[in-house]
Amino acid sequence: MNLKPVDQLIFLVDVNLPKKFSCFNSIQFIHVVDIDPMMKDRTLWDYALTNHLIILSKDTDFYELFLVNENCPKVVNFRIGNLTLRDLHQYFIKFWPTIVGKLDQSQFIIADLDKITIIK
């Protein structure tokens, strides 16, 4: 499956990632907090699937959903702990191009502090 060009991808940013983060300051990023800050994981999952959005989250529950569902949205699961905005910005400068580059060949990506892993 070929993805849209990078500038046409739309990401759904979970509430556990900062809204006031310069890397998420474009029309490519929809924030769950703007839709429903109390949205449950399954509802967020279904919303992303229905609207062809790529989930960005630190919540490991999405991995469990991925394992038990055949029809899945693309997910990037950040396993990076609690970083300052400055450190998060440095992380995105270093890894975001790699993450986006792997989206075409994956359904689920685990983004650790020191590596990017494609699950499927």
N, C-alpha and C. Protein backbone atom coordinates (compact mmCIF):
# COMPACT_ATOMS: atom_id res chain seq x y z
N MET A 1 0.83 -1.18 0.00
CA MET A 1 0.00 0.00 0.00
C MET A 1 0.88 1.24 0.00
N ASN A 2 0.71 2.10 -0.96
CA ASN A 2 1.48 3.33 -1.01
C ASN A 2 0.74 4.43 -0.27
N LEU A 3 1.47 5.11 0.57
CA LEU A 3 0.91 6.23 1.31
C LEU A 3 0.84 7.47 0.43
N LYS A 4 0.05 8.42 0.90
CA LYS A 4 0.02 9.73 0.27
C LYS A 4 1.40 10.36 0.42
N PRO A 5 1.68 11.39 -0.35
CA PRO A 5 2.94 12.12 -0.12
C PRO A 5 2.99 12.64 1.32
N VAL A 6 4.19 12.76 1.86
CA VAL A 6 4.38 13.15 3.26
C VAL A 6 3.58 14.39 3.63
N ASP A 7 3.54 15.38 2.76
CA ASP A 7 2.84 16.62 3.11
C ASP A 7 1.32 16.46 3.10
N GLN A 8 0.81 15.29 2.71
CA GLN A 8 -0.63 15.03 2.72
C GLN A 8 -1.05 14.05 3.81
N LEU A 9 -0.10 13.54 4.57
CA LEU A 9 -0.43 12.64 5.67
C LEU A 9 -1.06 13.44 6.80
N ILE A 10 -2.04 12.84 7.48
CA ILE A 10 -2.68 13.50 8.61
C ILE A 10 -2.50 12.61 9.83
N PHE A 11 -2.04 13.22 10.91
CA PHE A 11 -1.73 12.51 12.14
C PHE A 11 -2.72 12.90 13.22
N LEU A 12 -3.13 11.91 14.01
CA LEU A 12 -4.01 12.13 15.15
C LEU A 12 -3.14 12.05 16.41
N VAL A 13 -2.95 13.18 17.07
CA VAL A 13 -2.04 13.27 18.21
C VAL A 13 -2.83 13.01 19.50
N ASP A 14 -2.46 11.95 20.20
CA ASP A 14 -3.14 11.56 21.44
C ASP A 14 -2.87 12.61 22.53
N VAL A 15 -3.70 12.57 23.56
CA VAL A 15 -3.61 13.57 24.64
C VAL A 15 -2.32 13.45 25.46
N ASN A 16 -1.62 12.34 25.35
CA ASN A 16 -0.39 12.18 26.12
C ASN A 16 0.83 12.79 25.44
N LEU A 17 0.63 13.43 24.32
CA LEU A 17 1.69 14.20 23.65
C LEU A 17 1.29 15.67 23.69
N PRO A 18 2.26 16.57 23.79
CA PRO A 18 1.95 17.99 24.01
C PRO A 18 1.33 18.67 22.80
N LYS A 19 0.23 19.37 23.03
CA LYS A 19 -0.41 20.13 21.96
C LYS A 19 0.45 21.35 21.60
N LYS A 20 1.01 21.97 22.60
CA LYS A 20 1.83 23.16 22.36
C LYS A 20 3.27 22.75 22.06
N PHE A 21 3.41 22.07 20.94
CA PHE A 21 4.71 21.56 20.50
C PHE A 21 4.87 21.97 19.05
N SER A 22 5.91 22.70 18.76
CA SER A 22 6.07 23.30 17.44
C SER A 22 6.02 22.28 16.29
N CYS A 23 6.49 21.08 16.51
CA CYS A 23 6.47 20.08 15.44
C CYS A 23 5.05 19.63 15.08
N PHE A 24 4.09 19.85 15.98
CA PHE A 24 2.70 19.48 15.73
C PHE A 24 1.87 20.68 15.32
N ASN A 25 2.52 21.77 14.95
CA ASN A 25 1.81 23.02 14.67
C ASN A 25 1.58 23.19 13.16
N SER A 26 0.77 22.31 12.60
CA SER A 26 0.40 22.43 11.19
C SER A 26 -0.92 21.70 10.98
N ILE A 27 -1.50 21.88 9.81
CA ILE A 27 -2.78 21.23 9.52
C ILE A 27 -2.64 19.71 9.37
N GLN A 28 -1.42 19.20 9.35
CA GLN A 28 -1.21 17.76 9.27
C GLN A 28 -1.47 17.06 10.59
N PHE A 29 -1.64 17.84 11.67
CA PHE A 29 -1.79 17.26 13.00
C PHE A 29 -3.12 17.67 13.61
N ILE A 30 -3.93 16.65 13.92
CA ILE A 30 -5.20 16.86 14.61
C ILE A 30 -4.99 16.37 16.03
N HIS A 31 -5.40 17.18 16.98
CA HIS A 31 -5.18 16.83 18.38
C HIS A 31 -6.46 16.27 18.99
N VAL A 32 -6.34 15.11 19.61
CA VAL A 32 -7.49 14.48 20.26
C VAL A 32 -8.12 15.44 21.26
N VAL A 33 -7.32 16.22 21.94
CA VAL A 33 -7.84 17.16 22.94
C VAL A 33 -8.82 18.16 22.31
N ASP A 34 -8.69 18.43 21.02
CA ASP A 34 -9.61 19.33 20.33
C ASP A 34 -10.91 18.63 19.91
N ILE A 35 -10.88 17.31 19.85
CA ILE A 35 -12.07 16.53 19.47
C ILE A 35 -12.84 16.15 20.73
N ASP A 36 -12.15 15.45 21.63
CA ASP A 36 -12.74 15.02 22.90
C ASP A 36 -11.60 14.59 23.81
N PRO A 37 -11.22 15.44 24.78
CA PRO A 37 -10.08 15.10 25.63
C PRO A 37 -10.28 13.84 26.47
N MET A 38 -11.52 13.36 26.57
CA MET A 38 -11.81 12.16 27.34
C MET A 38 -12.02 10.93 26.44
N MET A 39 -11.67 11.05 25.16
CA MET A 39 -11.89 9.97 24.21
C MET A 39 -11.15 8.71 24.67
N LYS A 40 -11.86 7.62 24.69
CA LYS A 40 -11.28 6.32 25.06
C LYS A 40 -10.41 5.80 23.91
N ASP A 41 -9.47 4.94 24.25
CA ASP A 41 -8.54 4.42 23.25
C ASP A 41 -9.25 3.76 22.07
N ARG A 42 -10.25 2.95 22.35
CA ARG A 42 -10.94 2.25 21.27
C ARG A 42 -11.67 3.23 20.36
N THR A 43 -12.25 4.27 20.93
CA THR A 43 -12.94 5.28 20.13
C THR A 43 -11.94 6.04 19.27
N LEU A 44 -10.79 6.36 19.85
CA LEU A 44 -9.73 7.04 19.11
C LEU A 44 -9.26 6.15 17.95
N TRP A 45 -9.08 4.88 18.24
CA TRP A 45 -8.66 3.88 17.24
C TRP A 45 -9.64 3.86 16.07
N ASP A 46 -10.92 3.75 16.39
CA ASP A 46 -11.95 3.71 15.36
C ASP A 46 -12.03 5.01 14.57
N TYR A 47 -11.87 6.13 15.26
CA TYR A 47 -11.89 7.44 14.61
C TYR A 47 -10.74 7.54 13.60
N ALA A 48 -9.56 7.11 14.01
CA ALA A 48 -8.40 7.13 13.12
C ALA A 48 -8.62 6.22 11.92
N LEU A 49 -9.16 5.06 12.17
CA LEU A 49 -9.41 4.10 11.09
C LEU A 49 -10.42 4.65 10.09
N THR A 50 -11.51 5.19 10.58
CA THR A 50 -12.57 5.74 9.73
C THR A 50 -12.08 6.93 8.91
N ASN A 51 -11.23 7.75 9.50
CA ASN A 51 -10.79 8.99 8.85
C ASN A 51 -9.40 8.90 8.22
N HIS A 52 -8.84 7.69 8.18
CA HIS A 52 -7.53 7.45 7.55
C HIS A 52 -6.44 8.33 8.17
N LEU A 53 -6.40 8.33 9.50
CA LEU A 53 -5.42 9.12 10.25
C LEU A 53 -4.37 8.18 10.84
N ILE A 54 -3.20 8.71 11.08
CA ILE A 54 -2.10 7.96 11.69
C ILE A 54 -2.03 8.39 13.14
N ILE A 55 -2.18 7.43 14.05
CA ILE A 55 -2.16 7.74 15.48
C ILE A 55 -0.73 7.94 15.95
N LEU A 56 -0.52 9.02 16.70
CA LEU A 56 0.73 9.27 17.41
C LEU A 56 0.40 9.23 18.89
N SER A 57 1.03 8.33 19.63
CA SER A 57 0.68 8.18 21.04
C SER A 57 1.84 7.59 21.83
N LYS A 58 1.82 7.86 23.14
CA LYS A 58 2.74 7.21 24.06
C LYS A 58 2.06 6.05 24.79
N ASP A 59 0.80 5.83 24.51
CA ASP A 59 -0.03 4.83 25.20
C ASP A 59 0.23 3.44 24.62
N THR A 60 0.72 2.53 25.43
CA THR A 60 1.03 1.17 24.97
C THR A 60 -0.23 0.33 24.73
N ASP A 61 -1.40 0.81 25.16
CA ASP A 61 -2.64 0.08 24.90
C ASP A 61 -2.89 -0.08 23.40
N PHE A 62 -2.36 0.82 22.59
CA PHE A 62 -2.57 0.71 21.15
C PHE A 62 -1.86 -0.51 20.57
N TYR A 63 -0.78 -0.92 21.19
CA TYR A 63 -0.10 -2.13 20.74
C TYR A 63 -1.00 -3.35 20.98
N GLU A 64 -1.66 -3.38 22.14
CA GLU A 64 -2.59 -4.47 22.44
C GLU A 64 -3.75 -4.48 21.44
N LEU A 65 -4.29 -3.31 21.11
CA LEU A 65 -5.35 -3.23 20.11
C LEU A 65 -4.85 -3.74 18.76
N PHE A 66 -3.63 -3.39 18.42
CA PHE A 66 -3.02 -3.82 17.16
C PHE A 66 -2.93 -5.35 17.09
N LEU A 67 -2.58 -5.97 18.20
CA LEU A 67 -2.40 -7.42 18.22
C LEU A 67 -3.71 -8.19 18.06
N VAL A 68 -4.83 -7.61 18.46
CA VAL A 68 -6.09 -8.35 18.44
C VAL A 68 -7.06 -7.90 17.34
N ASN A 69 -6.66 -6.96 16.49
CA ASN A 69 -7.53 -6.46 15.44
C ASN A 69 -6.92 -6.72 14.07
N GLU A 70 -7.74 -7.13 13.14
CA GLU A 70 -7.26 -7.32 11.76
C GLU A 70 -7.21 -6.01 11.00
N ASN A 71 -8.18 -5.14 11.21
CA ASN A 71 -8.26 -3.87 10.52
C ASN A 71 -7.73 -2.78 11.45
N CYS A 72 -6.58 -2.21 11.10
CA CYS A 72 -5.90 -1.30 12.02
C CYS A 72 -5.49 0.00 11.32
N PRO A 73 -5.58 1.11 12.05
CA PRO A 73 -4.97 2.33 11.52
C PRO A 73 -3.46 2.22 11.71
N LYS A 74 -2.73 3.05 11.04
CA LYS A 74 -1.29 3.11 11.29
C LYS A 74 -1.09 3.80 12.64
N VAL A 75 -0.10 3.29 13.41
CA VAL A 75 0.17 3.82 14.74
C VAL A 75 1.67 4.01 14.89
N VAL A 76 2.05 5.15 15.47
CA VAL A 76 3.42 5.36 15.93
C VAL A 76 3.33 5.46 17.44
N ASN A 77 3.94 4.47 18.11
CA ASN A 77 3.91 4.41 19.57
C ASN A 77 5.26 4.89 20.09
N PHE A 78 5.25 6.06 20.72
CA PHE A 78 6.47 6.65 21.26
C PHE A 78 6.73 6.08 22.65
N ARG A 79 7.87 5.46 22.79
CA ARG A 79 8.31 4.92 24.09
C ARG A 79 9.55 5.69 24.50
N ILE A 80 9.31 6.93 24.83
CA ILE A 80 10.43 7.87 25.04
C ILE A 80 10.39 8.51 26.43
N GLY A 81 9.49 8.09 27.28
CA GLY A 81 9.40 8.66 28.62
C GLY A 81 8.92 10.10 28.57
N ASN A 82 9.15 10.80 29.65
CA ASN A 82 8.74 12.20 29.74
C ASN A 82 9.94 13.09 29.44
N LEU A 83 9.93 13.68 28.26
CA LEU A 83 11.01 14.56 27.84
C LEU A 83 10.58 16.02 27.99
N THR A 84 11.54 16.88 28.19
CA THR A 84 11.23 18.31 28.13
C THR A 84 10.86 18.64 26.69
N LEU A 85 10.18 19.76 26.49
CA LEU A 85 9.84 20.15 25.11
C LEU A 85 11.10 20.30 24.27
N ARG A 86 12.15 20.81 24.86
CA ARG A 86 13.41 20.97 24.12
C ARG A 86 13.96 19.60 23.69
N ASP A 87 13.98 18.64 24.62
CA ASP A 87 14.48 17.30 24.29
C ASP A 87 13.56 16.59 23.29
N LEU A 88 12.26 16.81 23.44
CA LEU A 88 11.31 16.23 22.49
C LEU A 88 11.54 16.81 21.09
N HIS A 89 11.80 18.09 21.03
CA HIS A 89 12.08 18.74 19.75
C HIS A 89 13.35 18.14 19.12
N GLN A 90 14.37 17.96 19.91
CA GLN A 90 15.62 17.34 19.41
C GLN A 90 15.36 15.91 18.93
N TYR A 91 14.53 15.19 19.66
CA TYR A 91 14.18 13.83 19.27
C TYR A 91 13.50 13.84 17.91
N PHE A 92 12.54 14.76 17.72
CA PHE A 92 11.81 14.82 16.45
C PHE A 92 12.72 15.25 15.31
N ILE A 93 13.62 16.15 15.55
CA ILE A 93 14.58 16.54 14.51
C ILE A 93 15.37 15.31 14.06
N LYS A 94 15.78 14.52 15.02
CA LYS A 94 16.61 13.34 14.72
C LYS A 94 15.82 12.19 14.09
N PHE A 95 14.61 11.89 14.62
CA PHE A 95 13.92 10.66 14.23
C PHE A 95 12.69 10.83 13.34
N TRP A 96 12.07 12.00 13.30
CA TRP A 96 10.83 12.15 12.54
C TRP A 96 10.99 11.76 11.06
N PRO A 97 12.04 12.19 10.38
CA PRO A 97 12.18 11.77 8.97
C PRO A 97 12.23 10.24 8.81
N THR A 98 12.89 9.56 9.73
CA THR A 98 12.96 8.10 9.68
C THR A 98 11.58 7.48 9.92
N ILE A 99 10.87 8.01 10.91
CA ILE A 99 9.53 7.50 11.23
C ILE A 99 8.62 7.64 10.02
N VAL A 100 8.56 8.83 9.47
CA VAL A 100 7.69 9.07 8.31
C VAL A 100 8.13 8.21 7.13
N GLY A 101 9.41 8.03 6.97
CA GLY A 101 9.92 7.21 5.88
C GLY A 101 9.55 5.75 6.00
N LYS A 102 9.31 5.27 7.20
CA LYS A 102 8.95 3.87 7.43
C LYS A 102 7.43 3.64 7.43
N LEU A 103 6.64 4.68 7.40
CA LEU A 103 5.18 4.52 7.44
C LEU A 103 4.64 3.74 6.25
N ASP A 104 5.26 3.89 5.10
CA ASP A 104 4.78 3.21 3.90
C ASP A 104 4.92 1.69 4.02
N GLN A 105 5.91 1.24 4.77
CA GLN A 105 6.19 -0.19 4.87
C GLN A 105 5.74 -0.80 6.20
N SER A 106 4.93 -0.06 6.96
CA SER A 106 4.55 -0.56 8.28
C SER A 106 3.13 -0.16 8.65
N GLN A 107 2.60 -0.88 9.62
CA GLN A 107 1.30 -0.58 10.19
C GLN A 107 1.48 -0.05 11.61
N PHE A 108 2.52 -0.53 12.29
CA PHE A 108 2.78 -0.15 13.68
C PHE A 108 4.27 0.09 13.84
N ILE A 109 4.61 1.24 14.38
CA ILE A 109 6.02 1.61 14.61
C ILE A 109 6.20 1.90 16.09
N ILE A 110 7.25 1.34 16.65
CA ILE A 110 7.63 1.68 18.02
C ILE A 110 8.84 2.60 17.92
N ALA A 111 8.69 3.78 18.48
CA ALA A 111 9.75 4.78 18.44
C ALA A 111 10.34 4.91 19.84
N ASP A 112 11.51 4.31 20.02
CA ASP A 112 12.23 4.41 21.28
C ASP A 112 13.19 5.60 21.23
N LEU A 113 13.85 5.85 22.35
CA LEU A 113 14.80 6.96 22.41
C LEU A 113 15.98 6.78 21.45
N ASP A 114 16.35 5.52 21.20
CA ASP A 114 17.56 5.28 20.41
C ASP A 114 17.34 4.46 19.14
N LYS A 115 16.06 4.07 18.88
CA LYS A 115 15.84 3.27 17.65
C LYS A 115 14.36 3.33 17.26
N ILE A 116 14.12 2.99 16.01
CA ILE A 116 12.78 2.92 15.45
C ILE A 116 12.57 1.47 15.02
N THR A 117 11.48 0.85 15.49
CA THR A 117 11.20 -0.55 15.18
C THR A 117 9.89 -0.68 14.44
N ILE A 118 9.92 -1.35 13.31
CA ILE A 118 8.71 -1.64 12.55
C ILE A 118 8.16 -2.98 13.02
N ILE A 119 6.90 -2.98 13.44
CA ILE A 119 6.29 -4.22 13.89
C ILE A 119 5.65 -4.95 12.72
N LYS A 120 4.94 -4.25 11.90
CA LYS A 120 4.31 -4.87 10.73
C LYS A 120 4.07 -3.81 9.68
